[in-house]
């Protein structure tokens, strides 16, 4: 049975209350993201098992702008959930956290 694809336009995240962290869904299942990609349940199982310690948090998918590291990666019925620590580096990480706290949506 095929699942109907849905479309979404934003990364679902929020700043945590404890400082420089974020939590949210990096990808949701059966929805087309802003890059035109959709993920099925189970799409991240192998990557989490084999490479979780090698994953960085990138700003806008740019490999030149590493803004943090995941503290945990997991999947549930909704998608790929990420809890991450964002670098308070006075640059991109700091700017992102300030924008999230001010209510910016990504």
Protein backbone atom coordinates (compact mmCIF):
# COMPACT_ATOMS: atom_id res chain seq x y z
CA UNK A 1 0.00 0.00 0.00
CA UNK A 2 1.45 3.33 -1.05
CA UNK A 3 1.31 6.25 1.34
CA UNK A 4 0.26 9.56 -0.16
CA UNK A 5 3.02 12.15 -0.16
CA UNK A 6 2.45 15.47 1.55
CA UNK A 7 4.36 18.69 1.01
CA UNK A 8 6.02 20.79 3.68
CA UNK A 9 8.13 23.89 3.49
CA UNK A 10 9.95 24.20 6.80
CA UNK A 11 12.35 22.38 9.09
CA UNK A 12 10.44 21.80 12.29
CA UNK A 13 12.60 22.88 15.21
CA UNK A 14 12.73 25.02 18.31
CA UNK A 15 15.39 26.29 20.68
CA UNK A 16 15.59 24.41 23.97
CA UNK A 17 15.37 26.27 27.26
CA UNK A 18 18.76 25.14 28.54
CA UNK A 19 21.10 27.21 26.42
CA UNK A 20 22.54 26.33 23.06
CA UNK A 21 20.38 23.41 22.05
CA UNK A 22 17.71 22.68 19.49
CA UNK A 23 15.28 19.85 19.16
CA UNK A 24 13.08 19.00 16.24
CA UNK A 25 12.56 16.91 13.15
CA UNK A 26 15.26 17.08 10.50
CA UNK A 27 12.98 15.09 8.19
CA UNK A 28 9.41 13.90 8.39
CA UNK A 29 8.25 10.74 6.70
CA UNK A 30 6.10 10.68 3.56
CA UNK A 31 6.36 14.42 2.99
CA UNK A 32 8.19 16.22 0.22
CA UNK A 33 10.63 18.75 1.67
CA UNK A 34 11.77 22.07 0.24
CA UNK A 35 14.49 20.23 -1.73
CA UNK A 36 11.92 17.97 -3.43
CA UNK A 37 12.93 14.91 -1.39
CA UNK A 38 10.63 12.53 0.51
CA UNK A 39 11.71 9.90 3.03
CA UNK A 40 10.03 6.62 3.91
CA UNK A 41 10.00 5.15 7.41
CA UNK A 42 13.26 3.25 7.94
CA UNK A 43 15.25 5.55 5.64
CA UNK A 44 17.64 6.58 8.43
CA UNK A 45 18.04 3.30 10.34
CA UNK A 46 21.34 2.23 8.76
CA UNK A 47 22.86 5.72 8.88
CA UNK A 48 22.03 6.19 12.56
CA UNK A 49 23.46 2.75 13.40
CA UNK A 50 26.66 3.16 11.38
CA UNK A 51 27.40 6.89 11.24
CA UNK A 52 25.63 8.76 14.03
CA UNK A 53 28.95 9.87 15.52
CA UNK A 54 30.05 11.38 12.19
CA UNK A 55 27.02 13.59 11.54
CA UNK A 56 27.27 17.37 11.87
CA UNK A 57 24.54 19.97 12.02
CA UNK A 58 24.93 22.14 8.93
CA UNK A 59 23.37 25.52 8.28
CA UNK A 60 21.19 25.29 5.16
CA UNK A 61 22.92 22.02 4.12
CA UNK A 62 26.17 23.95 3.56
CA UNK A 63 29.15 21.69 4.46
CA UNK A 64 31.25 24.81 5.03
CA UNK A 65 28.98 26.00 7.85
CA UNK A 66 29.02 23.39 10.63
CA UNK A 67 26.98 24.91 13.46
CA UNK A 68 26.68 21.98 15.86
CA UNK A 69 26.64 18.32 16.74
CA UNK A 70 23.70 16.00 17.40
CA UNK A 71 23.38 14.76 20.96
CA UNK A 72 20.79 12.22 19.89
CA UNK A 73 19.27 10.99 16.65
CA UNK A 74 16.21 8.76 16.61
CA UNK A 75 13.22 7.92 14.48
CA UNK A 76 9.61 7.60 15.47
CA UNK A 77 6.37 7.39 13.52
CA UNK A 78 6.74 11.03 12.50
CA UNK A 79 10.34 11.16 11.26
CA UNK A 80 13.99 11.77 12.14
CA UNK A 81 14.16 13.52 15.50
CA UNK A 82 17.31 15.43 16.41
CA UNK A 83 18.48 16.89 19.69
CA UNK A 84 21.57 18.97 18.99
CA UNK A 85 24.02 21.26 20.68
CA UNK A 86 24.67 24.39 18.65
CA UNK A 87 28.06 26.06 18.78
CA UNK A 88 28.02 29.40 20.60
CA UNK A 89 30.84 30.63 18.42
CA UNK A 90 29.86 34.26 17.99
CA UNK A 91 29.09 33.47 14.34
CA UNK A 92 26.54 31.29 12.54
CA UNK A 93 25.57 29.08 15.50
CA UNK A 94 24.99 32.06 17.77
CA UNK A 95 22.99 33.84 15.08
CA UNK A 96 20.79 30.79 14.52
CA UNK A 97 20.03 30.41 18.24
CA UNK A 98 19.15 34.11 18.56
CA UNK A 99 16.80 33.86 15.58
CA UNK A 100 15.10 30.73 16.91
CA UNK A 101 14.59 32.33 20.34
CA UNK A 102 13.08 35.37 18.62
CA UNK A 103 10.56 33.11 16.89
CA UNK A 104 12.12 32.56 13.47
CA UNK A 105 10.85 29.48 11.61
CA UNK A 106 13.17 27.28 9.59
